[in-house]
């Protein structure tokens, strides 16, 4: 199991980024959450099998169709046995 916290910068709010991220997380079978931050970035926690987490990180680097991701900051963290993927406000 691997868990990462991710901060996504660029044009990532107002472009359905969180909804698309949740759909991709469900498809990949990873758990965690995604939320907008007041500074215009998107913050996420992704947890799952190594290959699935890497695939989710690859998706986050691209983002939703209308998004323009400029940078992805990834920090490994301890897995927490999360279940499901939640879109937070």
Protein backbone atom coordinates (compact mmCIF):
# COMPACT_ATOMS: atom_id res chain seq x y z
CA UNK A 1 0.00 0.00 0.00
CA UNK A 2 1.08 3.54 -0.76
CA UNK A 3 -0.42 6.85 0.32
CA UNK A 4 0.43 10.30 -1.03
CA UNK A 5 -0.71 13.84 -0.39
CA UNK A 6 -0.84 15.89 -3.57
CA UNK A 7 -1.07 19.61 -4.23
CA UNK A 8 -2.09 20.50 -7.79
CA UNK A 9 -1.48 24.00 -9.14
CA UNK A 10 -2.66 25.63 -12.34
CA UNK A 11 -6.13 26.13 -13.77
CA UNK A 12 -7.67 23.41 -11.61
CA UNK A 13 -10.76 25.01 -10.09
CA UNK A 14 -13.97 25.65 -11.98
CA UNK A 15 -13.11 22.94 -14.52
CA UNK A 16 -14.75 19.87 -12.87
CA UNK A 17 -11.33 18.69 -11.71
CA UNK A 18 -12.63 17.11 -8.48
CA UNK A 19 -15.51 15.27 -10.17
CA UNK A 20 -13.23 13.84 -12.85
CA UNK A 21 -10.64 12.93 -10.20
CA UNK A 22 -13.27 11.02 -8.21
CA UNK A 23 -14.37 9.14 -11.31
CA UNK A 24 -10.76 8.19 -12.10
CA UNK A 25 -10.10 7.18 -8.49
CA UNK A 26 -13.13 4.89 -8.56
CA UNK A 27 -11.98 3.38 -11.86
CA UNK A 28 -8.49 2.74 -10.46
CA UNK A 29 -9.73 1.49 -7.09
CA UNK A 30 -7.86 4.02 -4.98
CA UNK A 31 -9.23 5.61 -1.82
CA UNK A 32 -8.90 9.12 -0.41
CA UNK A 33 -10.31 12.56 -1.02
CA UNK A 34 -9.95 15.68 -3.15
CA UNK A 35 -10.82 19.28 -2.26
CA UNK A 36 -10.39 22.84 -3.45
CA UNK A 37 -8.26 25.20 -1.40
CA UNK A 38 -8.87 28.92 -1.04
CA UNK A 39 -5.60 29.72 -2.85
CA UNK A 40 -6.90 28.18 -6.10
CA UNK A 41 -5.06 24.87 -5.80
CA UNK A 42 -6.49 21.39 -5.41
CA UNK A 43 -5.40 19.18 -2.50
CA UNK A 44 -5.79 15.40 -2.58
CA UNK A 45 -4.96 12.29 -0.60
CA UNK A 46 -4.63 9.10 -2.62
CA UNK A 47 -4.16 5.67 -1.11
CA UNK A 48 -3.99 2.22 -2.69
CA UNK A 49 -1.78 -0.29 -4.42
CA UNK A 50 1.46 1.19 -5.76
CA UNK A 51 0.53 0.81 -9.43
CA UNK A 52 -2.94 2.31 -8.93
CA UNK A 53 -1.52 5.29 -7.02
CA UNK A 54 1.05 5.88 -9.78
CA UNK A 55 -1.75 5.77 -12.36
CA UNK A 56 -3.77 8.29 -10.33
CA UNK A 57 -0.72 10.58 -10.10
CA UNK A 58 -0.34 10.37 -13.89
CA UNK A 59 -4.00 11.38 -14.25
CA UNK A 60 -3.58 14.26 -11.78
CA UNK A 61 -0.68 15.57 -13.88
CA UNK A 62 -3.09 15.85 -16.83
CA UNK A 63 -6.33 16.70 -15.01
CA UNK A 64 -9.81 17.13 -16.40
CA UNK A 65 -10.29 18.11 -20.07
CA UNK A 66 -10.51 21.86 -19.32
CA UNK A 67 -7.80 21.91 -16.63
CA UNK A 68 -4.26 23.15 -17.15
CA UNK A 69 -2.01 21.56 -14.54
CA UNK A 70 1.21 23.53 -13.99
CA UNK A 71 2.74 21.61 -11.10
CA UNK A 72 2.12 18.56 -8.93
CA UNK A 73 3.74 18.40 -5.48
CA UNK A 74 3.67 14.86 -4.08
CA UNK A 75 4.54 13.85 -0.53
CA UNK A 76 4.45 10.24 0.65
CA UNK A 77 2.50 9.69 3.85
CA UNK A 78 1.45 6.73 5.98
CA UNK A 79 -1.46 4.68 4.62
CA UNK A 80 -4.62 4.94 6.73
CA UNK A 81 -6.74 2.07 5.32
CA UNK A 82 -9.24 4.49 3.80
CA UNK A 83 -12.32 3.21 2.01
CA UNK A 84 -13.79 5.00 -1.01
CA UNK A 85 -12.93 8.33 -2.57
CA UNK A 86 -14.70 11.52 -1.46
CA UNK A 87 -15.08 14.92 -3.12
CA UNK A 88 -14.86 17.50 -0.36
CA UNK A 89 -15.88 21.16 -0.67
